[in-house]
Structures are given as structure tokens and as C-alpha cells.
Amino acid sequence: STLTKLLSVPSDYWKKIDHSIRKTNEAGIHFRVNSLITNY
């Protein structure tokens, strides 16, 4: 719900991003995350 307010994305967005992160990790590809604090 927070992501929907922040990004105007579909209701399955978090499920897809979670899948992306898990599969990236399984592939052995390193990743970093950038996160911004907003009013939301």
C-alpha cells in the first residue's frame, strides 16, 4: 500500500520486486538498494 501511494504502481508490484530480488540473489549477482524517506 505504501508503494502504491509512492510509485503509482499495480497491486502486485511488491510481489514482483520480491521475486526479482530473490532471483537476482540466487543468480549470484550482487545488488545494492537506494531508499528515500518521504512523508509517506
Full PDB file with SEQRES, HELIX, SHEET, SSBOND, CRYST1, ORIGX, SCALE, CONECT and MASTER records, all heavy atoms in Angstrom:
SEQRES   1 A   40  SER THR LEU THR LYS LEU LEU SER VAL PRO SER ASP TYR          
SEQRES   2 A   40  TRP LYS LYS ILE ASP HIS SER ILE ARG LYS THR ASN GLU          
SEQRES   3 A   40  ALA GLY ILE HIS PHE ARG VAL ASN SER LEU ILE THR ASN          
SEQRES   4 A   40  TYR                                                          
HELIX    1 AA1 THR A    2  LEU A    7  1                                   6    
HELIX    2 AA2 TYR A   13  GLU A   26  1                                  14    
CRYST1    1.000    1.000    1.000  90.00  90.00  90.00 P 1           1          
ORIGX1      1.000000  0.000000  0.000000        0.00000                         
ORIGX2      0.000000  1.000000  0.000000        0.00000                         
ORIGX3      0.000000  0.000000  1.000000        0.00000                         
SCALE1      1.000000  0.000000  0.000000        0.00000                         
SCALE2      0.000000  1.000000  0.000000        0.00000                         
SCALE3      0.000000  0.000000  1.000000        0.00000                         
ATOM      1  N   SER A   1       0.826  -1.210   0.000  1.00  0.00           N  
ATOM      2  CA  SER A   1       0.000   0.000   0.000  1.00  0.00           C  
ATOM      3  C   SER A   1       0.861   1.261   0.000  1.00  0.00           C  
ATOM      4  O   SER A   1       0.533   2.259  -0.652  1.00  0.00           O  
ATOM      5  CB  SER A   1      -0.957   0.008   1.193  1.00  0.00           C  
ATOM      6  OG  SER A   1      -0.261   0.105   2.413  1.00  0.00           O  
ATOM      7  N   THR A   2       1.993   1.214   0.710  1.00  0.00           N  
ATOM      8  CA  THR A   2       2.916   2.357   0.714  1.00  0.00           C  
ATOM      9  C   THR A   2       3.520   2.548  -0.668  1.00  0.00           C  
ATOM     10  O   THR A   2       3.623   3.682  -1.168  1.00  0.00           O  
ATOM     11  CB  THR A   2       4.038   2.148   1.757  1.00  0.00           C  
ATOM     12  OG1 THR A   2       3.465   1.981   3.041  1.00  0.00           O  
ATOM     13  CG2 THR A   2       4.987   3.336   1.773  1.00  0.00           C  
ATOM     14  N   LEU A   3       3.915   1.457  -1.293  1.00  0.00           N  
ATOM     15  CA  LEU A   3       4.496   1.537  -2.633  1.00  0.00           C  
ATOM     16  C   LEU A   3       3.490   2.063  -3.640  1.00  0.00           C  
ATOM     17  O   LEU A   3       3.837   2.823  -4.552  1.00  0.00           O  
ATOM     18  CB  LEU A   3       5.014   0.160  -3.060  1.00  0.00           C  
ATOM     19  CG  LEU A   3       6.233  -0.364  -2.289  1.00  0.00           C  
ATOM     20  CD1 LEU A   3       6.499  -1.823  -2.635  1.00  0.00           C  
ATOM     21  CD2 LEU A   3       7.460   0.482  -2.586  1.00  0.00           C  
ATOM     22  N   THR A   4       2.242   1.675  -3.497  1.00  0.00           N  
ATOM     23  CA  THR A   4       1.196   2.165  -4.399  1.00  0.00           C  
ATOM     24  C   THR A   4       1.057   3.677  -4.285  1.00  0.00           C  
ATOM     25  O   THR A   4       0.959   4.389  -5.292  1.00  0.00           O  
ATOM     26  CB  THR A   4      -0.149   1.488  -4.078  1.00  0.00           C  
ATOM     27  OG1 THR A   4      -0.026   0.078  -4.246  1.00  0.00           O  
ATOM     28  CG2 THR A   4      -1.244   2.006  -5.006  1.00  0.00           C  
ATOM     29  N   LYS A   5       1.074   4.191  -3.057  1.00  0.00           N  
ATOM     30  CA  LYS A   5       0.969   5.639  -2.844  1.00  0.00           C  
ATOM     31  C   LYS A   5       2.196   6.371  -3.392  1.00  0.00           C  
ATOM     32  O   LYS A   5       2.083   7.437  -4.001  1.00  0.00           O  
ATOM     33  CB  LYS A   5       0.828   5.944  -1.353  1.00  0.00           C  
ATOM     34  CG  LYS A   5      -0.473   5.476  -0.731  1.00  0.00           C  
ATOM     35  CD  LYS A   5      -0.438   5.715   0.778  1.00  0.00           C  
ATOM     36  CE  LYS A   5      -1.662   5.124   1.455  1.00  0.00           C  
ATOM     37  NZ  LYS A   5      -1.582   5.265   2.938  1.00  0.00           N  
ATOM     38  N   LEU A   6       3.365   5.795  -3.165  1.00  0.00           N  
ATOM     39  CA  LEU A   6       4.614   6.451  -3.556  1.00  0.00           C  
ATOM     40  C   LEU A   6       4.867   6.401  -5.062  1.00  0.00           C  
ATOM     41  O   LEU A   6       5.347   7.367  -5.655  1.00  0.00           O  
ATOM     42  CB  LEU A   6       5.800   5.807  -2.841  1.00  0.00           C  
ATOM     43  CG  LEU A   6       6.113   6.274  -1.428  1.00  0.00           C  
ATOM     44  CD1 LEU A   6       7.148   5.363  -0.793  1.00  0.00           C  
ATOM     45  CD2 LEU A   6       6.617   7.709  -1.437  1.00  0.00           C  
ATOM     46  N   LEU A   7       4.570   5.250  -5.674  1.00  0.00           N  
ATOM     47  CA  LEU A   7       5.023   4.997  -7.045  1.00  0.00           C  
ATOM     48  C   LEU A   7       3.911   4.880  -8.067  1.00  0.00           C  
ATOM     49  O   LEU A   7       4.183   4.789  -9.264  1.00  0.00           O  
ATOM     50  CB  LEU A   7       5.860   3.708  -7.088  1.00  0.00           C  
ATOM     51  CG  LEU A   7       6.958   3.537  -6.034  1.00  0.00           C  
ATOM     52  CD1 LEU A   7       7.678   2.223  -6.261  1.00  0.00           C  
ATOM     53  CD2 LEU A   7       7.930   4.699  -6.070  1.00  0.00           C  
ATOM     54  N   SER A   8       2.661   4.852  -7.612  1.00  0.00           N  
ATOM     55  CA  SER A   8       1.516   4.663  -8.525  1.00  0.00           C  
ATOM     56  C   SER A   8       1.690   3.384  -9.345  1.00  0.00           C  
ATOM     57  O   SER A   8       1.578   3.397 -10.572  1.00  0.00           O  
ATOM     58  CB  SER A   8       1.343   5.874  -9.445  1.00  0.00           C  
ATOM     59  OG  SER A   8       1.149   7.044  -8.699  1.00  0.00           O  
ATOM     60  N   VAL A   9       1.979   2.280  -8.655  1.00  0.00           N  
ATOM     61  CA  VAL A   9       2.245   1.003  -9.307  1.00  0.00           C  
ATOM     62  C   VAL A   9       1.090   0.031  -9.062  1.00  0.00           C  
ATOM     63  O   VAL A   9       0.283   0.225  -8.156  1.00  0.00           O  
ATOM     64  CB  VAL A   9       3.562   0.383  -8.798  1.00  0.00           C  
ATOM     65  CG1 VAL A   9       4.753   1.155  -9.334  1.00  0.00           C  
ATOM     66  CG2 VAL A   9       3.582   0.340  -7.265  1.00  0.00           C  
ATOM     67  N   PRO A  10       1.009  -1.051  -9.869  1.00  0.00           N  
ATOM     68  CA  PRO A  10      -0.069  -2.039  -9.701  1.00  0.00           C  
ATOM     69  C   PRO A  10      -0.003  -2.738  -8.343  1.00  0.00           C  
ATOM     70  O   PRO A  10       1.018  -2.720  -7.654  1.00  0.00           O  
ATOM     71  CB  PRO A  10       0.189  -3.036 -10.839  1.00  0.00           C  
ATOM     72  CG  PRO A  10       1.008  -2.291 -11.828  1.00  0.00           C  
ATOM     73  CD  PRO A  10       1.839  -1.331 -11.052  1.00  0.00           C  
ATOM     74  N   SER A  11      -1.090  -3.414  -7.977  1.00  0.00           N  
ATOM     75  CA  SER A  11      -1.229  -4.039  -6.666  1.00  0.00           C  
ATOM     76  C   SER A  11      -0.310  -5.244  -6.471  1.00  0.00           C  
ATOM     77  O   SER A  11      -0.138  -5.716  -5.340  1.00  0.00           O  
ATOM     78  CB  SER A  11      -2.680  -4.467  -6.432  1.00  0.00           C  
ATOM     79  OG  SER A  11      -3.096  -5.376  -7.440  1.00  0.00           O  
ATOM     80  N   ASP A  12       0.261  -5.762  -7.558  1.00  0.00           N  
ATOM     81  CA  ASP A  12       1.181  -6.900  -7.434  1.00  0.00           C  
ATOM     82  C   ASP A  12       2.651  -6.482  -7.541  1.00  0.00           C  
ATOM     83  O   ASP A  12       3.542  -7.320  -7.706  1.00  0.00           O  
ATOM     84  CB  ASP A  12       0.871  -7.958  -8.492  1.00  0.00           C  
ATOM     85  CG  ASP A  12       1.038  -7.432  -9.917  1.00  0.00           C  
ATOM     86  OD1 ASP A  12       1.194  -6.199 -10.092  1.00  0.00           O  
ATOM     87  OD2 ASP A  12       1.007  -8.248 -10.854  1.00  0.00           O  
ATOM     88  N   TYR A  13       2.907  -5.182  -7.419  1.00  0.00           N  
ATOM     89  CA  TYR A  13       4.277  -4.668  -7.615  1.00  0.00           C  
ATOM     90  C   TYR A  13       5.255  -5.272  -6.610  1.00  0.00           C  
ATOM     91  O   TYR A  13       6.327  -5.755  -6.989  1.00  0.00           O  
ATOM     92  CB  TYR A  13       4.284  -3.143  -7.495  1.00  0.00           C  
ATOM     93  CG  TYR A  13       5.656  -2.520  -7.660  1.00  0.00           C  
ATOM     94  CD1 TYR A  13       6.236  -2.397  -8.920  1.00  0.00           C  
ATOM     95  CD2 TYR A  13       6.380  -2.055  -6.560  1.00  0.00           C  
ATOM     96  CE1 TYR A  13       7.498  -1.828  -9.079  1.00  0.00           C  
ATOM     97  CE2 TYR A  13       7.631  -1.490  -6.703  1.00  0.00           C  
ATOM     98  CZ  TYR A  13       8.193  -1.377  -7.969  1.00  0.00           C  
ATOM     99  OH  TYR A  13       9.436  -0.835  -8.115  1.00  0.00           O  
ATOM    100  N   TRP A  14       4.901  -5.267  -5.319  1.00  0.00           N  
ATOM    101  CA  TRP A  14       5.838  -5.773  -4.317  1.00  0.00           C  
ATOM    102  C   TRP A  14       6.129  -7.247  -4.560  1.00  0.00           C  
ATOM    103  O   TRP A  14       7.271  -7.692  -4.444  1.00  0.00           O  
ATOM    104  CB  TRP A  14       5.331  -5.556  -2.898  1.00  0.00           C  
ATOM    105  CG  TRP A  14       6.100  -6.383  -1.915  1.00  0.00           C  
ATOM    106  CD1 TRP A  14       5.629  -7.351  -1.100  1.00  0.00           C  
ATOM    107  CD2 TRP A  14       7.518  -6.340  -1.688  1.00  0.00           C  
ATOM    108  NE1 TRP A  14       6.648  -7.930  -0.368  1.00  0.00           N  
ATOM    109  CE2 TRP A  14       7.831  -7.311  -0.724  1.00  0.00           C  
ATOM    110  CE3 TRP A  14       8.559  -5.573  -2.214  1.00  0.00           C  
ATOM    111  CZ2 TRP A  14       9.109  -7.552  -0.260  1.00  0.00           C  
ATOM    112  CZ3 TRP A  14       9.850  -5.806  -1.763  1.00  0.00           C  
ATOM    113  CH2 TRP A  14      10.125  -6.774  -0.802  1.00  0.00           C  
ATOM    114  N   LYS A  15       5.119  -8.004  -4.919  1.00  0.00           N  
ATOM    115  CA  LYS A  15       5.315  -9.432  -5.180  1.00  0.00           C  
ATOM    116  C   LYS A  15       6.329  -9.630  -6.301  1.00  0.00           C  
ATOM    117  O   LYS A  15       7.222 -10.493  -6.216  1.00  0.00           O  
ATOM    118  CB  LYS A  15       3.976 -10.069  -5.554  1.00  0.00           C  
ATOM    119  CG  LYS A  15       4.052 -11.570  -5.814  1.00  0.00           C  
ATOM    120  CD  LYS A  15       2.670 -12.126  -6.152  1.00  0.00           C  
ATOM    121  CE  LYS A  15       2.740 -13.624  -6.444  1.00  0.00           C  
ATOM    122  NZ  LYS A  15       1.409 -14.172  -6.794  1.00  0.00           N  
ATOM    123  N   LYS A  16       6.252  -8.800  -7.339  1.00  0.00           N  
ATOM    124  CA  LYS A  16       7.174  -8.920  -8.479  1.00  0.00           C  
ATOM    125  C   LYS A  16       8.586  -8.458  -8.109  1.00  0.00           C  
ATOM    126  O   LYS A  16       9.580  -9.067  -8.530  1.00  0.00           O  
ATOM    127  CB  LYS A  16       6.641  -8.113  -9.663  1.00  0.00           C  
ATOM    128  CG  LYS A  16       5.402  -8.713 -10.308  1.00  0.00           C  
ATOM    129  CD  LYS A  16       4.964  -7.887 -11.510  1.00  0.00           C  
ATOM    130  CE  LYS A  16       3.781  -8.539 -12.216  1.00  0.00           C  
ATOM    131  NZ  LYS A  16       3.327  -7.740 -13.380  1.00  0.00           N  
ATOM    132  N   ILE A  17       8.688  -7.384  -7.340  1.00  0.00           N  
ATOM    133  CA  ILE A  17      10.008  -6.896  -6.930  1.00  0.00           C  
ATOM    134  C   ILE A  17      10.679  -7.902  -5.993  1.00  0.00           C  
ATOM    135  O   ILE A  17      11.893  -8.172  -6.098  1.00  0.00           O  
ATOM    136  CB  ILE A  17       9.898  -5.514  -6.247  1.00  0.00           C  
ATOM    137  CG1 ILE A  17       9.637  -4.427  -7.295  1.00  0.00           C  
ATOM    138  CG2 ILE A  17      11.170  -5.174  -5.474  1.00  0.00           C  
ATOM    139  CD1 ILE A  17      10.778  -4.165  -8.250  1.00  0.00           C  
ATOM    140  N   ASP A  18       9.909  -8.472  -5.086  1.00  0.00           N  
ATOM    141  CA  ASP A  18      10.433  -9.504  -4.193  1.00  0.00           C  
ATOM    142  C   ASP A  18      10.981 -10.672  -5.016  1.00  0.00           C  
ATOM    143  O   ASP A  18      12.079 -11.179  -4.739  1.00  0.00           O  
ATOM    144  CB  ASP A  18       9.323  -9.973  -3.260  1.00  0.00           C  
ATOM    145  CG  ASP A  18       9.745 -11.137  -2.380  1.00  0.00           C  
ATOM    146  OD1 ASP A  18      10.828 -11.052  -1.776  1.00  0.00           O  
ATOM    147  OD2 ASP A  18       9.000 -12.134  -2.303  1.00  0.00           O  
ATOM    148  N   HIS A  19      10.257 -11.089  -6.028  1.00  0.00           N  
ATOM    149  CA  HIS A  19      10.711 -12.172  -6.909  1.00  0.00           C  
ATOM    150  C   HIS A  19      12.011 -11.774  -7.617  1.00  0.00           C  
ATOM    151  O   HIS A  19      12.952 -12.578  -7.717  1.00  0.00           O  
ATOM    152  CB  HIS A  19       9.629 -12.483  -7.939  1.00  0.00           C  
ATOM    153  CG  HIS A  19      10.021 -13.527  -8.942  1.00  0.00           C  
ATOM    154  ND1 HIS A  19       9.928 -14.883  -8.696  1.00  0.00           N  
ATOM    155  CD2 HIS A  19      10.547 -13.409 -10.203  1.00  0.00           C  
ATOM    156  CE1 HIS A  19      10.367 -15.560  -9.749  1.00  0.00           C  
ATOM    157  NE2 HIS A  19      10.736 -14.686 -10.677  1.00  0.00           N  
ATOM    158  N   SER A  20      12.069 -10.520  -8.093  1.00  0.00           N  
ATOM    159  CA  SER A  20      13.266 -10.029  -8.792  1.00  0.00           C  
ATOM    160  C   SER A  20      14.492 -10.074  -7.888  1.00  0.00           C  
ATOM    161  O   SER A  20      15.582 -10.497  -8.300  1.00  0.00           O  
ATOM    162  CB  SER A  20      13.039  -8.591  -9.285  1.00  0.00           C  
ATOM    163  OG  SER A  20      11.951  -8.512 -10.175  1.00  0.00           O  
ATOM    164  N   ILE A  21      14.330  -9.622  -6.650  1.00  0.00           N  
ATOM    165  CA  ILE A  21      15.452  -9.589  -5.707  1.00  0.00           C  
ATOM    166  C   ILE A  21      15.905 -11.016  -5.368  1.00  0.00           C  
ATOM    167  O   ILE A  21      17.109 -11.311  -5.336  1.00  0.00           O  
ATOM    168  CB  ILE A  21      15.062  -8.808  -4.440  1.00  0.00           C  
ATOM    169  CG1 ILE A  21      14.931  -7.319  -4.774  1.00  0.00           C  
ATOM    170  CG2 ILE A  21      16.087  -9.017  -3.329  1.00  0.00           C  
ATOM    171  CD1 ILE A  21      14.410  -6.465  -3.635  1.00  0.00           C  
ATOM    172  N   ARG A  22      14.961 -11.903  -5.129  1.00  0.00           N  
ATOM    173  CA  ARG A  22      15.306 -13.280  -4.779  1.00  0.00           C  
ATOM    174  C   ARG A  22      16.051 -13.969  -5.932  1.00  0.00           C  
ATOM    175  O   ARG A  22      17.050 -14.668  -5.706  1.00  0.00           O  
ATOM    176  CB  ARG A  22      14.044 -14.059  -4.415  1.00  0.00           C  
ATOM    177  CG  ARG A  22      13.414 -13.605  -3.111  1.00  0.00           C  
ATOM    178  CD  ARG A  22      12.144 -14.376  -2.787  1.00  0.00           C  
ATOM    179  NE  ARG A  22      11.486 -13.823  -1.615  1.00  0.00           N  
ATOM    180  CZ  ARG A  22      11.815 -14.094  -0.360  1.00  0.00           C  
ATOM    181  NH1 ARG A  22      12.806 -14.943  -0.108  1.00  0.00           N  
ATOM    182  NH2 ARG A  22      11.164 -13.540   0.646  1.00  0.00           N  
ATOM    183  N   LYS A  23      15.573 -13.784  -7.147  1.00  0.00           N  
ATOM    184  CA  LYS A  23      16.201 -14.423  -8.297  1.00  0.00           C  
ATOM    185  C   LYS A  23      17.564 -13.801  -8.609  1.00  0.00           C  
ATOM    186  O   LYS A  23      18.489 -14.491  -9.049  1.00  0.00           O  
ATOM    187  CB  LYS A  23      15.284 -14.336  -9.518  1.00  0.00           C  
ATOM    188  CG  LYS A  23      14.024 -15.198  -9.398  1.00  0.00           C  
ATOM    189  CD  LYS A  23      14.398 -16.671  -9.217  1.00  0.00           C  
ATOM    190  CE  LYS A  23      13.177 -17.563  -9.099  1.00  0.00           C  
ATOM    191  NZ  LYS A  23      13.523 -18.996  -8.899  1.00  0.00           N  
ATOM    192  N   THR A  24      17.699 -12.497  -8.386  1.00  0.00           N  
ATOM    193  CA  THR A  24      18.996 -11.838  -8.554  1.00  0.00           C  
ATOM    194  C   THR A  24      20.004 -12.425  -7.576  1.00  0.00           C  
ATOM    195  O   THR A  24      21.151 -12.725  -7.928  1.00  0.00           O  
ATOM    196  CB  THR A  24      18.865 -10.312  -8.329  1.00  0.00           C  
ATOM    197  OG1 THR A  24      17.973  -9.770  -9.307  1.00  0.00           O  
ATOM    198  CG2 THR A  24      20.215  -9.620  -8.443  1.00  0.00           C  
ATOM    199  N   ASN A  25      19.572 -12.614  -6.342  1.00  0.00           N  
ATOM    200  CA  ASN A  25      20.435 -13.202  -5.316  1.00  0.00           C  
ATOM    201  C   ASN A  25      20.804 -14.640  -5.670  1.00  0.00           C  
ATOM    202  O   ASN A  25      21.972 -15.042  -5.552  1.00  0.00           O  
ATOM    203  CB  ASN A  25      19.722 -13.156  -3.967  1.00  0.00           C  
ATOM    204  CG  ASN A  25      20.608 -13.604  -2.818  1.00  0.00           C  
ATOM    205  OD1 ASN A  25      21.539 -12.903  -2.441  1.00  0.00           O  
ATOM    206  ND2 ASN A  25      20.322 -14.773  -2.260  1.00  0.00           N  
ATOM    207  N   GLU A  26      19.839 -15.428  -6.126  1.00  0.00           N  
ATOM    208  CA  GLU A  26      20.103 -16.821  -6.494  1.00  0.00           C  
ATOM    209  C   GLU A  26      21.101 -16.918  -7.643  1.00  0.00           C  
ATOM    210  O   GLU A  26      21.892 -17.869  -7.721  1.00  0.00           O  
ATOM    211  CB  GLU A  26      18.796 -17.514  -6.891  1.00  0.00           C  
ATOM    212  CG  GLU A  26      17.878 -17.798  -5.717  1.00  0.00           C  
ATOM    213  CD  GLU A  26      16.543 -18.388  -6.163  1.00  0.00           C  
ATOM    214  OE1 GLU A  26      16.444 -18.805  -7.345  1.00  0.00           O  
ATOM    215  OE2 GLU A  26      15.603 -18.425  -5.341  1.00  0.00           O  
ATOM    216  N   ALA A  27      21.074 -15.916  -8.538  1.00  0.00           N  
ATOM    217  CA  ALA A  27      21.982 -15.915  -9.682  1.00  0.00           C  
ATOM    218  C   ALA A  27      23.395 -15.495  -9.295  1.00  0.00           C  
ATOM    219  O   ALA A  27      24.317 -15.541 -10.123  1.00  0.00           O  
ATOM    220  CB  ALA A  27      21.449 -14.993 -10.770  1.00  0.00           C  
ATOM    221  N   GLY A  28      23.574 -15.050  -8.047  1.00  0.00           N  
ATOM    222  CA  GLY A  28      24.901 -14.624  -7.604  1.00  0.00           C  
ATOM    223  C   GLY A  28      25.268 -13.232  -8.067  1.00  0.00           C  
ATOM    224  O   GLY A  28      26.451 -12.852  -8.048  1.00  0.00           O  
ATOM    225  N   ILE A  29      24.270 -12.453  -8.474  1.00  0.00           N  
ATOM    226  CA  ILE A  29      24.510 -11.066  -8.883  1.00  0.00           C  
ATOM    227  C   ILE A  29      24.329 -10.170  -7.659  1.00  0.00           C  
ATOM    228  O   ILE A  29      23.280 -10.204  -7.005  1.00  0.00           O  
ATOM    229  CB  ILE A  29      23.541 -10.636 -10.000  1.00  0.00           C  
ATOM    230  CG1 ILE A  29      23.754 -11.501 -11.235  1.00  0.00           C  
ATOM    231  CG2 ILE A  29      23.725  -9.164 -10.336  1.00  0.00           C  
ATOM    232  CD1 ILE A  29      22.712 -11.289 -12.321  1.00  0.00           C  
ATOM    233  N   HIS A  30      25.330  -9.390  -7.335  1.00  0.00           N  
ATOM    234  CA  HIS A  30      25.248  -8.517  -6.175  1.00  0.00           C  
ATOM    235  C   HIS A  30      24.323  -7.341  -6.448  1.00  0.00           C  
ATOM    236  O   HIS A  30      24.152  -6.918  -7.590  1.00  0.00           O  
ATOM    237  CB  HIS A  30      26.639  -8.022  -5.781  1.00  0.00           C  
ATOM    238  CG  HIS A  30      27.454  -9.071  -5.088  1.00  0.00           C  
ATOM    239  ND1 HIS A  30      27.782  -9.007  -3.759  1.00  0.00           N  
ATOM    240  CD2 HIS A  30      27.977 -10.245  -5.529  1.00  0.00           C  
ATOM    241  CE1 HIS A  30      28.475 -10.062  -3.415  1.00  0.00           C  
ATOM    242  NE2 HIS A  30      28.615 -10.838  -4.481  1.00  0.00           N  
ATOM    243  N   PHE A  31      23.734  -6.821  -5.383  1.00  0.00           N  
ATOM    244  CA  PHE A  31      22.835  -5.679  -5.549  1.00  0.00           C  
ATOM    245  C   PHE A  31      22.885  -4.776  -4.329  1.00  0.00           C  
ATOM    246  O   PHE A  31      23.181  -5.214  -3.215  1.00  0.00           O  
ATOM    247  CB  PHE A  31      21.387  -6.156  -5.805  1.00  0.00           C  
ATOM    248  CG  PHE A  31      20.748  -6.876  -4.653  1.00  0.00           C  
ATOM    249  CD1 PHE A  31      19.951  -6.198  -3.742  1.00  0.00           C  
ATOM    250  CD2 PHE A  31      20.932  -8.246  -4.483  1.00  0.00           C  
ATOM    251  CE1 PHE A  31      19.344  -6.859  -2.678  1.00  0.00           C  
ATOM    252  CE2 PHE A  31      20.332  -8.919  -3.424  1.00  0.00           C  
ATOM    253  CZ  PHE A  31      19.537  -8.229  -2.521  1.00  0.00           C  
ATOM    254  N   ARG A  32      22.664  -3.519  -4.578  1.00  0.00           N  
ATOM    255  CA  ARG A  32      22.518  -2.535  -3.511  1.00  0.00           C  
ATOM    256  C   ARG A  32      21.145  -1.898  -3.658  1.00  0.00           C  
ATOM    257  O   ARG A  32      20.495  -2.038  -4.699  1.00  0.00           O  
ATOM    258  CB  ARG A  32      23.628  -1.474  -3.552  1.00  0.00           C  
ATOM    259  CG  ARG A  32      23.533  -0.502  -4.699  1.00  0.00           C  
ATOM    260  CD  ARG A  32      24.630   0.563  -4.643  1.00  0.00           C  
ATOM    261  NE  ARG A  32      24.666   1.277  -3.380  1.00  0.00           N  
ATOM    262  CZ  ARG A  32      23.880   2.301  -3.084  1.00  0.00           C  
ATOM    263  NH1 ARG A  32      22.979   2.737  -3.945  1.00  0.00           N  
ATOM    264  NH2 ARG A  32      23.998   2.912  -1.922  1.00  0.00           N  
ATOM    265  N   VAL A  33      20.712  -1.184  -2.637  1.00  0.00           N  
ATOM    266  CA  VAL A  33      19.387  -0.572  -2.636  1.00  0.00           C  
ATOM    267  C   VAL A  33      19.511   0.894  -2.245  1.00  0.00           C  
ATOM    268  O   VAL A  33      20.266   1.243  -1.330  1.00  0.00           O  
ATOM    269  CB  VAL A  33      18.437  -1.302  -1.669  1.00  0.00           C  
ATOM    270  CG1 VAL A  33      17.122  -0.541  -1.499  1.00  0.00           C  
ATOM    271  CG2 VAL A  33      18.167  -2.725  -2.163  1.00  0.00           C  
ATOM    272  N   ASN A  34      18.792   1.731  -2.962  1.00  0.00           N  
ATOM    273  CA  ASN A  34      18.698   3.144  -2.611  1.00  0.00           C  
ATOM    274  C   ASN A  34      17.276   3.405  -2.138  1.00  0.00           C  
ATOM    275  O   ASN A  34      16.307   3.018  -2.801  1.00  0.00           O  
ATOM    276  CB  ASN A  34      19.028   4.028  -3.810  1.00  0.00           C  
ATOM    277  CG  ASN A  34      19.136   5.487  -3.416  1.00  0.00           C  
ATOM    278  OD1 ASN A  34      19.927   5.842  -2.555  1.00  0.00           O  
ATOM    279  ND2 ASN A  34      18.334   6.335  -4.038  1.00  0.00           N  
ATOM    280  N   SER A  35      17.136   4.037  -0.980  1.00  0.00           N  
ATOM    281  CA  SER A  35      15.815   4.238  -0.391  1.00  0.00           C  
ATOM    282  C   SER A  35      15.671   5.673   0.096  1.00  0.00           C  
ATOM    283  O   SER A  35      16.579   6.228   0.706  1.00  0.00           O  
ATOM    284  CB  SER A  35      15.627   3.268   0.787  1.00  0.00           C  
ATOM    285  OG  SER A  35      14.311   3.297   1.267  1.00  0.00           O  
ATOM    286  N   LEU A  36      14.509   6.268  -0.184  1.00  0.00           N  
ATOM    287  CA  LEU A  36      14.252   7.652   0.207  1.00  0.00           C  
ATOM    288  C   LEU A  36      13.119   7.722   1.227  1.00  0.00           C  
ATOM    289  O   LEU A  36      12.090   7.052   1.093  1.00  0.00           O  
ATOM    290  CB  LEU A  36      13.880   8.490  -1.018  1.00  0.00           C  
ATOM    291  CG  LEU A  36      14.993   8.715  -2.042  1.00  0.00           C  
ATOM    292  CD1 LEU A  36      14.451   9.443  -3.263  1.00  0.00           C  
ATOM    293  CD2 LEU A  36      16.145   9.509  -1.424  1.00  0.00           C  
ATOM    294  N   ILE A  37      13.330   8.560   2.248  1.00  0.00           N  
ATOM    295  CA  ILE A  37      12.312   8.784   3.266  1.00  0.00           C  
ATOM    296  C   ILE A  37      11.453   9.970   2.833  1.00  0.00           C  
ATOM    297  O   ILE A  37      11.955  11.071   2.609  1.00  0.00           O  
ATOM    298  CB  ILE A  37      12.951   9.077   4.644  1.00  0.00           C  
ATOM    299  CG1 ILE A  37      13.842   7.914   5.074  1.00  0.00           C  
ATOM    300  CG2 ILE A  37      11.868   9.357   5.681  1.00  0.00           C  
ATOM    301  CD1 ILE A  37      13.131   6.600   5.224  1.00  0.00           C  
ATOM    302  N   THR A  38      10.165   9.719   2.708  1.00  0.00           N  
ATOM    303  CA  THR A  38       9.211  10.748   2.315  1.00  0.00           C  
ATOM    304  C   THR A  38       8.137  10.870   3.396  1.00  0.00           C  
ATOM    305  O   THR A  38       8.148  10.152   4.403  1.00  0.00           O  
ATOM    306  CB  THR A  38       8.527  10.384   0.983  1.00  0.00           C  
ATOM    307  OG1 THR A  38       7.627   9.296   1.221  1.00  0.00           O  
ATOM    308  CG2 THR A  38       9.547   9.968  -0.070  1.00  0.00           C  
ATOM    309  N   ASN A  39       7.173  11.720   3.151  1.00  0.00           N  
ATOM    310  CA  ASN A  39       6.052  11.863   4.065  1.00  0.00           C  
ATOM    311  C   ASN A  39       5.218  10.587   4.137  1.00  0.00           C  
ATOM    312  O   ASN A  39       4.502  10.360   5.107  1.00  0.00           O  
ATOM    313  CB  ASN A  39       5.177  13.036   3.610  1.00  0.00           C  
ATOM    314  CG  ASN A  39       4.166  13.442   4.644  1.00  0.00           C  
ATOM    315  OD1 ASN A  39       4.448  13.426   5.838  1.00  0.00           O  
ATOM    316  ND2 ASN A  39       2.971  13.789   4.203  1.00  0.00           N  
ATOM    317  N   TYR A  40       5.333   9.732   3.112  1.00  0.00           N  
ATOM    318  CA  TYR A  40       4.512   8.526   3.037  1.00  0.00           C  
ATOM    319  C   TYR A  40       5.148   7.311   3.716  1.00  0.00           C  
ATOM    320  O   TYR A  40       4.449   6.338   4.002  1.00  0.00           O  
ATOM    321  CB  TYR A  40       4.234   8.178   1.573  1.00  0.00           C  
ATOM    322  CG  TYR A  40       3.435   9.227   0.835  1.00  0.00           C  
ATOM    323  CD1 TYR A  40       4.068  10.189   0.060  1.00  0.00           C  
ATOM    324  CD2 TYR A  40       2.049   9.261   0.926  1.00  0.00           C  
ATOM    325  CE1 TYR A  40       3.346  11.160  -0.612  1.00  0.00           C  
ATOM    326  CE2 TYR A  40       1.312  10.234   0.252  1.00  0.00           C  
ATOM    327  CZ  TYR A  40       1.971  11.188  -0.512  1.00  0.00           C  
ATOM    328  OH  TYR A  40       1.248  12.144  -1.178  1.00  0.00           O  
TER     329      TYR A  40                                                      
MASTER        0    0    0    2    0    0    0    6  328    1    0    4          
END                                                                             
